[in-house]
Amino acid sequence: MSLFARIIGLGNEYRCDDGVGFVVVRRLQAQLTLYQQGIEMLCCDDETRLLDLWKDVAHVIMIDAASFGAVAGTIMRFDLLTQPLPASFESISTHTVGLREVLGIAHILYSLPDSLVLYAIEGKEYAAGITLSPEVTRAVDEVVQRVQAELQAYAC
């Protein structure tokens, strides 16, 4: 079966809440039936790789920690093809090129997938460590459910 969707967990798993994208992807990977449906799941710690990861796939869903001024654990969904990231949105990145810059490049190069969704979870703790804050941990199950529902909608 050909690949029709790619799920990408963004972040740094060694900076507490910044690892939430990786946690969500690993939770989804435990459900083997998703692989049988043409879905690839991976983790990415470098936003500059996203242009390559968006190639040759119709649907992309990304999960990342962010800071947009909400209560820790708040989940925001962005359709990145139709709604710009709010000015208050900050992707937590240790690189000089972040998600906002990659989106700008992709628009210029016309290298976007047919659908591009970001689930951003407001983080609380970004110090060195591998443990998510309780607020972000509580958001993980809901994001997993939302991603699963979105994947089912693509399949229809």
N, C-alpha and C. Protein backbone atom coordinates (compact mmCIF):
# COMPACT_ATOMS: atom_id res chain seq x y z
N MET A 1 0.84 -1.18 0.00
CA MET A 1 0.00 0.00 0.00
C MET A 1 0.89 1.24 0.00
N SER A 2 0.52 2.26 -0.76
CA SER A 2 1.34 3.46 -0.85
C SER A 2 1.10 4.37 0.36
N LEU A 3 2.08 5.21 0.59
CA LEU A 3 2.03 6.15 1.71
C LEU A 3 1.11 7.31 1.37
N PHE A 4 0.15 7.59 2.25
CA PHE A 4 -0.72 8.74 2.01
C PHE A 4 -0.67 9.76 3.14
N ALA A 5 -0.10 9.39 4.27
CA ALA A 5 -0.01 10.34 5.39
C ALA A 5 1.29 10.13 6.16
N ARG A 6 1.81 11.24 6.65
CA ARG A 6 3.01 11.17 7.49
C ARG A 6 2.72 11.97 8.75
N ILE A 7 3.00 11.35 9.89
CA ILE A 7 2.86 12.00 11.20
C ILE A 7 4.27 12.31 11.68
N ILE A 8 4.50 13.57 12.03
CA ILE A 8 5.84 14.00 12.43
C ILE A 8 5.79 14.61 13.83
N GLY A 9 6.51 14.00 14.74
CA GLY A 9 6.69 14.57 16.07
C GLY A 9 7.91 15.47 16.05
N LEU A 10 7.72 16.74 16.37
CA LEU A 10 8.82 17.71 16.37
C LEU A 10 9.30 17.95 17.80
N GLY A 11 10.54 18.36 17.93
CA GLY A 11 11.02 18.77 19.24
C GLY A 11 12.37 18.19 19.62
N ASN A 12 12.60 18.22 20.91
CA ASN A 12 13.83 17.72 21.49
C ASN A 12 13.43 16.90 22.72
N GLU A 13 13.57 15.61 22.63
CA GLU A 13 13.11 14.74 23.71
C GLU A 13 13.91 14.89 24.99
N TYR A 14 15.00 15.65 24.97
CA TYR A 14 15.83 15.85 26.16
C TYR A 14 15.62 17.23 26.79
N ARG A 15 14.52 17.90 26.41
CA ARG A 15 14.18 19.20 26.99
C ARG A 15 12.74 19.18 27.51
N CYS A 16 12.46 18.26 28.38
CA CYS A 16 11.16 18.12 29.06
C CYS A 16 9.99 18.24 28.08
N ASP A 17 9.14 19.26 28.22
CA ASP A 17 7.92 19.37 27.43
C ASP A 17 8.18 19.48 25.93
N ASP A 18 9.36 19.88 25.53
CA ASP A 18 9.68 19.97 24.11
C ASP A 18 9.65 18.58 23.45
N GLY A 19 9.65 17.53 24.23
CA GLY A 19 9.60 16.17 23.70
C GLY A 19 8.19 15.63 23.48
N VAL A 20 7.16 16.44 23.67
CA VAL A 20 5.79 15.94 23.59
C VAL A 20 5.46 15.38 22.19
N GLY A 21 5.99 15.97 21.14
CA GLY A 21 5.74 15.45 19.80
C GLY A 21 6.25 14.03 19.65
N PHE A 22 7.40 13.75 20.23
CA PHE A 22 7.97 12.40 20.18
C PHE A 22 7.10 11.43 20.97
N VAL A 23 6.60 11.87 22.12
CA VAL A 23 5.75 11.00 22.96
C VAL A 23 4.47 10.64 22.21
N VAL A 24 3.84 11.61 21.56
CA VAL A 24 2.61 11.34 20.81
C VAL A 24 2.89 10.36 19.68
N VAL A 25 3.95 10.57 18.92
CA VAL A 25 4.27 9.67 17.81
C VAL A 25 4.53 8.26 18.32
N ARG A 26 5.26 8.12 19.39
CA ARG A 26 5.53 6.77 19.92
C ARG A 26 4.26 6.09 20.39
N ARG A 27 3.33 6.85 20.94
CA ARG A 27 2.04 6.30 21.35
C ARG A 27 1.28 5.79 20.11
N LEU A 28 1.31 6.58 19.05
CA LEU A 28 0.65 6.18 17.81
C LEU A 28 1.34 4.97 17.16
N GLN A 29 2.66 4.93 17.24
CA GLN A 29 3.41 3.81 16.65
C GLN A 29 3.06 2.48 17.30
N ALA A 30 2.61 2.51 18.53
CA ALA A 30 2.24 1.28 19.24
C ALA A 30 0.99 0.64 18.63
N GLN A 31 0.31 1.38 17.79
CA GLN A 31 -0.92 0.87 17.15
C GLN A 31 -0.58 0.44 15.73
N LEU A 32 -0.22 -0.81 15.58
CA LEU A 32 0.30 -1.32 14.31
C LEU A 32 -0.66 -1.18 13.14
N THR A 33 -1.94 -1.12 13.38
CA THR A 33 -2.89 -1.03 12.27
C THR A 33 -2.69 0.25 11.47
N LEU A 34 -2.14 1.29 12.07
CA LEU A 34 -1.90 2.52 11.34
C LEU A 34 -0.91 2.30 10.21
N TYR A 35 0.11 1.45 10.42
CA TYR A 35 1.07 1.18 9.36
C TYR A 35 0.41 0.50 8.17
N GLN A 36 -0.59 -0.33 8.43
CA GLN A 36 -1.27 -1.04 7.37
C GLN A 36 -2.12 -0.10 6.53
N GLN A 37 -2.36 1.09 6.99
CA GLN A 37 -3.20 2.05 6.28
C GLN A 37 -2.38 3.07 5.50
N GLY A 38 -1.09 2.83 5.29
CA GLY A 38 -0.28 3.75 4.51
C GLY A 38 0.15 4.99 5.26
N ILE A 39 0.38 4.86 6.56
CA ILE A 39 0.76 5.99 7.39
C ILE A 39 2.16 5.76 7.94
N GLU A 40 3.01 6.76 7.78
CA GLU A 40 4.36 6.69 8.34
C GLU A 40 4.44 7.67 9.50
N MET A 41 5.10 7.24 10.57
CA MET A 41 5.26 8.09 11.74
C MET A 41 6.74 8.20 12.07
N LEU A 42 7.18 9.42 12.32
CA LEU A 42 8.59 9.61 12.65
C LEU A 42 8.77 10.83 13.53
N CYS A 43 9.95 10.94 14.11
CA CYS A 43 10.30 12.06 14.98
C CYS A 43 11.38 12.88 14.29
N CYS A 44 11.34 14.18 14.49
CA CYS A 44 12.27 15.09 13.84
C CYS A 44 12.72 16.16 14.84
N ASP A 45 14.01 16.29 15.01
CA ASP A 45 14.54 17.29 15.94
C ASP A 45 15.18 18.48 15.21
N ASP A 46 14.92 18.59 13.90
CA ASP A 46 15.52 19.65 13.12
C ASP A 46 14.52 20.11 12.05
N GLU A 47 13.92 21.28 12.25
CA GLU A 47 12.89 21.78 11.35
C GLU A 47 13.38 21.96 9.91
N THR A 48 14.70 22.10 9.72
CA THR A 48 15.20 22.26 8.36
C THR A 48 14.98 21.02 7.51
N ARG A 49 14.70 19.88 8.12
CA ARG A 49 14.42 18.64 7.39
C ARG A 49 12.98 18.55 6.89
N LEU A 50 12.11 19.44 7.36
CA LEU A 50 10.69 19.31 7.06
C LEU A 50 10.36 19.37 5.57
N LEU A 51 11.02 20.21 4.81
CA LEU A 51 10.74 20.28 3.37
C LEU A 51 10.90 18.91 2.72
N ASP A 52 11.92 18.18 3.10
CA ASP A 52 12.11 16.82 2.56
C ASP A 52 11.05 15.87 3.09
N LEU A 53 10.66 16.03 4.34
CA LEU A 53 9.69 15.11 4.93
C LEU A 53 8.28 15.34 4.39
N TRP A 54 8.02 16.52 3.83
CA TRP A 54 6.70 16.81 3.26
C TRP A 54 6.57 16.31 1.83
N LYS A 55 7.69 15.92 1.19
CA LYS A 55 7.65 15.47 -0.20
C LYS A 55 6.92 14.14 -0.33
N ASP A 56 6.26 13.98 -1.46
CA ASP A 56 5.67 12.70 -1.87
C ASP A 56 4.65 12.14 -0.89
N VAL A 57 3.97 13.00 -0.16
CA VAL A 57 2.91 12.54 0.74
C VAL A 57 1.80 13.60 0.70
N ALA A 58 0.56 13.14 0.67
CA ALA A 58 -0.57 14.07 0.55
C ALA A 58 -0.89 14.77 1.86
N HIS A 59 -0.86 14.04 2.96
CA HIS A 59 -1.31 14.58 4.24
C HIS A 59 -0.18 14.52 5.27
N VAL A 60 0.06 15.65 5.93
CA VAL A 60 1.07 15.70 6.98
C VAL A 60 0.43 16.27 8.23
N ILE A 61 0.65 15.59 9.35
CA ILE A 61 0.24 16.08 10.66
C ILE A 61 1.48 16.16 11.52
N MET A 62 1.70 17.33 12.10
CA MET A 62 2.85 17.51 12.98
C MET A 62 2.37 17.79 14.40
N ILE A 63 3.17 17.36 15.36
CA ILE A 63 2.88 17.60 16.77
C ILE A 63 4.12 18.23 17.37
N ASP A 64 3.93 19.34 18.10
CA ASP A 64 5.07 20.04 18.66
C ASP A 64 4.67 20.79 19.92
N ALA A 65 5.64 21.02 20.77
CA ALA A 65 5.45 21.91 21.92
C ALA A 65 5.57 23.34 21.41
N ALA A 66 4.88 24.23 22.07
CA ALA A 66 4.92 25.62 21.64
C ALA A 66 4.67 26.53 22.83
N SER A 67 4.90 27.80 22.58
CA SER A 67 4.59 28.81 23.56
C SER A 67 3.76 29.87 22.86
N PHE A 68 2.46 29.91 23.18
CA PHE A 68 1.60 30.92 22.57
C PHE A 68 0.80 31.67 23.62
N GLY A 69 1.27 31.58 24.87
CA GLY A 69 0.68 32.38 25.93
C GLY A 69 -0.55 31.79 26.59
N ALA A 70 -0.81 30.53 26.38
CA ALA A 70 -1.98 29.86 26.97
C ALA A 70 -1.56 29.10 28.23
N VAL A 71 -2.52 28.49 28.87
CA VAL A 71 -2.27 27.65 30.03
C VAL A 71 -1.52 26.40 29.57
N ALA A 72 -0.53 25.97 30.34
CA ALA A 72 0.24 24.76 29.99
C ALA A 72 -0.71 23.59 29.75
N GLY A 73 -0.45 22.86 28.67
CA GLY A 73 -1.28 21.71 28.31
C GLY A 73 -2.38 22.05 27.32
N THR A 74 -2.59 23.34 27.02
CA THR A 74 -3.59 23.74 26.04
C THR A 74 -3.17 23.23 24.66
N ILE A 75 -4.14 22.68 23.93
CA ILE A 75 -3.89 22.14 22.60
C ILE A 75 -4.48 23.09 21.57
N MET A 76 -3.67 23.45 20.60
CA MET A 76 -4.13 24.28 19.49
C MET A 76 -3.93 23.49 18.20
N ARG A 77 -4.92 23.57 17.30
CA ARG A 77 -4.81 22.93 15.99
C ARG A 77 -4.74 24.01 14.93
N PHE A 78 -3.73 23.93 14.08
CA PHE A 78 -3.56 24.89 13.01
C PHE A 78 -3.57 24.16 11.67
N ASP A 79 -4.43 24.60 10.76
CA ASP A 79 -4.37 24.16 9.37
C ASP A 79 -3.41 25.13 8.70
N LEU A 80 -2.19 24.69 8.49
CA LEU A 80 -1.13 25.60 8.07
C LEU A 80 -1.25 26.05 6.61
N LEU A 81 -2.20 25.47 5.87
CA LEU A 81 -2.42 25.92 4.49
C LEU A 81 -3.45 27.04 4.41
N THR A 82 -4.28 27.16 5.45
CA THR A 82 -5.34 28.16 5.40
C THR A 82 -5.28 29.19 6.52
N GLN A 83 -4.55 28.89 7.59
CA GLN A 83 -4.48 29.87 8.67
C GLN A 83 -3.03 30.08 9.08
N PRO A 84 -2.61 31.32 9.12
CA PRO A 84 -1.23 31.59 9.53
C PRO A 84 -1.06 31.35 11.03
N LEU A 85 0.16 31.06 11.40
CA LEU A 85 0.45 30.95 12.83
C LEU A 85 0.27 32.31 13.46
N PRO A 86 -0.37 32.37 14.63
CA PRO A 86 -0.54 33.68 15.28
C PRO A 86 0.81 34.31 15.63
N ALA A 87 0.82 35.62 15.71
CA ALA A 87 2.06 36.34 16.04
C ALA A 87 2.63 35.89 17.37
N SER A 88 1.75 35.47 18.30
CA SER A 88 2.22 35.06 19.63
C SER A 88 2.82 33.66 19.64
N PHE A 89 2.68 32.92 18.54
CA PHE A 89 3.16 31.54 18.49
C PHE A 89 4.68 31.50 18.42
N GLU A 90 5.25 30.69 19.29
CA GLU A 90 6.69 30.44 19.25
C GLU A 90 6.90 28.95 19.32
N SER A 91 7.49 28.41 18.28
CA SER A 91 7.91 27.01 18.32
C SER A 91 9.18 26.98 19.15
N ILE A 92 9.27 26.04 20.04
CA ILE A 92 10.46 25.93 20.88
C ILE A 92 11.53 25.21 20.09
N SER A 93 12.50 25.95 19.58
CA SER A 93 13.51 25.37 18.71
C SER A 93 14.89 25.77 19.18
N THR A 94 15.81 24.83 19.08
CA THR A 94 17.21 25.14 19.39
C THR A 94 17.96 25.48 18.11
N HIS A 95 17.27 25.53 16.99
CA HIS A 95 17.89 25.84 15.71
C HIS A 95 17.56 27.27 15.32
N THR A 96 18.36 27.83 14.41
CA THR A 96 18.10 29.19 13.98
C THR A 96 16.93 29.26 13.01
N VAL A 97 16.58 28.15 12.39
CA VAL A 97 15.45 28.09 11.49
C VAL A 97 14.33 27.32 12.18
N GLY A 98 13.19 27.96 12.36
CA GLY A 98 12.07 27.33 13.03
C GLY A 98 10.94 27.04 12.05
N LEU A 99 9.83 26.59 12.57
CA LEU A 99 8.68 26.22 11.75
C LEU A 99 8.17 27.38 10.90
N ARG A 100 8.10 28.55 11.48
CA ARG A 100 7.60 29.72 10.73
C ARG A 100 8.47 29.97 9.48
N GLU A 101 9.78 29.88 9.63
CA GLU A 101 10.68 30.10 8.50
C GLU A 101 10.56 29.00 7.45
N VAL A 102 10.44 27.76 7.90
CA VAL A 102 10.29 26.64 6.96
C VAL A 102 8.99 26.78 6.17
N LEU A 103 7.91 27.19 6.82
CA LEU A 103 6.64 27.42 6.12
C LEU A 103 6.80 28.50 5.05
N GLY A 104 7.51 29.56 5.38
CA GLY A 104 7.74 30.63 4.40
C GLY A 104 8.50 30.13 3.18
N ILE A 105 9.53 29.34 3.41
CA ILE A 105 10.31 28.77 2.31
C ILE A 105 9.44 27.84 1.47
N ALA A 106 8.66 27.00 2.13
CA ALA A 106 7.80 26.05 1.43
C ALA A 106 6.77 26.77 0.56
N HIS A 107 6.21 27.86 1.05
CA HIS A 107 5.26 28.64 0.24
C HIS A 107 5.95 29.20 -1.01
N ILE A 108 7.14 29.73 -0.85
CA ILE A 108 7.88 30.30 -1.98
C ILE A 108 8.20 29.22 -3.01
N LEU A 109 8.57 28.03 -2.54
CA LEU A 109 8.97 26.94 -3.44
C LEU A 109 7.80 26.08 -3.91
N TYR A 110 6.59 26.41 -3.47
CA TYR A 110 5.41 25.60 -3.80
C TYR A 110 5.64 24.13 -3.46
N SER A 111 6.18 23.89 -2.29
CA SER A 111 6.50 22.51 -1.89
C SER A 111 5.75 22.10 -0.62
N LEU A 112 4.44 22.35 -0.64
CA LEU A 112 3.61 21.98 0.49
C LEU A 112 2.77 20.76 0.13
N PRO A 113 2.45 19.93 1.11
CA PRO A 113 1.55 18.81 0.85
C PRO A 113 0.11 19.30 0.65
N ASP A 114 -0.79 18.40 0.28
CA ASP A 114 -2.19 18.77 0.08
C ASP A 114 -2.85 19.25 1.37
N SER A 115 -2.45 18.67 2.48
CA SER A 115 -2.92 19.14 3.79
C SER A 115 -1.76 19.10 4.77
N LEU A 116 -1.72 20.13 5.61
CA LEU A 116 -0.62 20.29 6.56
C LEU A 116 -1.20 20.84 7.86
N VAL A 117 -1.20 19.99 8.88
CA VAL A 117 -1.83 20.32 10.16
C VAL A 117 -0.76 20.28 11.26
N LEU A 118 -0.86 21.23 12.18
CA LEU A 118 0.01 21.25 13.35
C LEU A 118 -0.85 21.20 14.60
N TYR A 119 -0.55 20.24 15.47
CA TYR A 119 -1.09 20.24 16.82
C TYR A 119 0.01 20.77 17.72
N ALA A 120 -0.23 21.93 18.30
CA ALA A 120 0.74 22.58 19.17
C ALA A 120 0.23 22.50 20.61
N ILE A 121 1.08 22.03 21.50
CA ILE A 121 0.71 21.90 22.91
C ILE A 121 1.53 22.92 23.70
N GLU A 122 0.82 23.78 24.41
CA GLU A 122 1.50 24.78 25.25
C GLU A 122 2.33 24.06 26.30
N GLY A 123 3.63 24.32 26.29
CA GLY A 123 4.53 23.70 27.25
C GLY A 123 4.69 24.54 28.51
N LYS A 124 5.34 23.93 29.47
CA LYS A 124 5.59 24.61 30.74
C LYS A 124 7.07 24.56 31.10
N GLU A 125 7.70 23.42 30.89
CA GLU A 125 9.07 23.19 31.34
C GLU A 125 9.95 22.80 30.15
N TYR A 126 11.03 23.56 29.92
CA TYR A 126 11.91 23.29 28.79
C TYR A 126 13.37 23.09 29.21
N ALA A 127 13.59 22.86 30.49
CA ALA A 127 14.95 22.61 30.98
C ALA A 127 15.40 21.22 30.52
N ALA A 128 16.66 20.92 30.74
CA ALA A 128 17.17 19.60 30.40
C ALA A 128 16.44 18.54 31.22
N GLY A 129 16.01 17.49 30.56
CA GLY A 129 15.30 16.40 31.23
C GLY A 129 14.44 15.65 30.22
N ILE A 130 13.91 14.51 30.66
CA ILE A 130 13.11 13.68 29.75
C ILE A 130 11.67 13.50 30.23
N THR A 131 11.28 14.21 31.27
CA THR A 131 9.94 14.06 31.83
C THR A 131 9.06 15.23 31.42
N LEU A 132 7.87 14.91 30.90
CA LEU A 132 6.91 15.95 30.57
C LEU A 132 6.27 16.49 31.84
N SER A 133 5.88 17.75 31.82
CA SER A 133 5.14 18.31 32.96
C SER A 133 3.78 17.60 33.04
N PRO A 134 3.16 17.59 34.22
CA PRO A 134 1.84 16.94 34.34
C PRO A 134 0.80 17.52 33.38
N GLU A 135 0.83 18.83 33.16
CA GLU A 135 -0.13 19.46 32.27
C GLU A 135 0.01 18.96 30.84
N VAL A 136 1.24 18.85 30.37
CA VAL A 136 1.48 18.39 29.00
C VAL A 136 1.22 16.89 28.90
N THR A 137 1.56 16.15 29.93
CA THR A 137 1.26 14.71 29.95
C THR A 137 -0.23 14.46 29.78
N ARG A 138 -1.05 15.26 30.45
CA ARG A 138 -2.51 15.10 30.33
C ARG A 138 -3.01 15.39 28.92
N ALA A 139 -2.30 16.22 28.17
CA ALA A 139 -2.72 16.57 26.81
C ALA A 139 -2.40 15.47 25.79
N VAL A 140 -1.47 14.59 26.12
CA VAL A 140 -1.00 13.59 25.15
C VAL A 140 -2.15 12.71 24.65
N ASP A 141 -2.94 12.14 25.54
CA ASP A 141 -4.02 11.24 25.11
C ASP A 141 -5.01 11.94 24.19
N GLU A 142 -5.34 13.18 24.50
CA GLU A 142 -6.28 13.92 23.65
C GLU A 142 -5.71 14.16 22.27
N VAL A 143 -4.43 14.50 22.18
CA VAL A 143 -3.81 14.73 20.88
C VAL A 143 -3.77 13.42 20.09
N VAL A 144 -3.46 12.32 20.75
CA VAL A 144 -3.47 11.01 20.07
C VAL A 144 -4.85 10.75 19.48
N GLN A 145 -5.89 10.99 20.25
CA GLN A 145 -7.26 10.77 19.76
C GLN A 145 -7.60 11.70 18.60
N ARG A 146 -7.18 12.94 18.68
CA ARG A 146 -7.47 13.90 17.60
C ARG A 146 -6.75 13.50 16.31
N VAL A 147 -5.50 13.06 16.44
CA VAL A 147 -4.74 12.63 15.26
C VAL A 147 -5.40 11.39 14.65
N GLN A 148 -5.80 10.45 15.46
CA GLN A 148 -6.47 9.26 14.95
C GLN A 148 -7.75 9.63 14.20
N ALA A 149 -8.53 10.55 14.74
CA ALA A 149 -9.77 10.98 14.08
C ALA A 149 -9.46 11.66 12.75
N GLU A 150 -8.42 12.45 12.74
CA GLU A 150 -8.04 13.14 11.51
C GLU A 150 -7.61 12.13 10.44
N LEU A 151 -6.86 11.13 10.85
CA LEU A 151 -6.43 10.09 9.91
C LEU A 151 -7.62 9.32 9.35
N GLN A 152 -8.60 9.04 10.17
CA GLN A 152 -9.81 8.36 9.70
C GLN A 152 -10.54 9.22 8.68
N ALA A 153 -10.57 10.51 8.90
CA ALA A 153 -11.24 11.41 7.95
C ALA A 153 -10.51 11.43 6.60
N TYR A 154 -9.18 11.35 6.62
CA TYR A 154 -8.41 11.30 5.36
C TYR A 154 -8.73 10.02 4.60
N ALA A 155 -8.92 8.93 5.33
CA ALA A 155 -9.14 7.63 4.70
C ALA A 155 -10.49 7.52 4.01
N CYS A 156 -11.42 8.37 4.41
CA CYS A 156 -12.78 8.30 3.84
C CYS A 156 -12.85 8.96 2.48
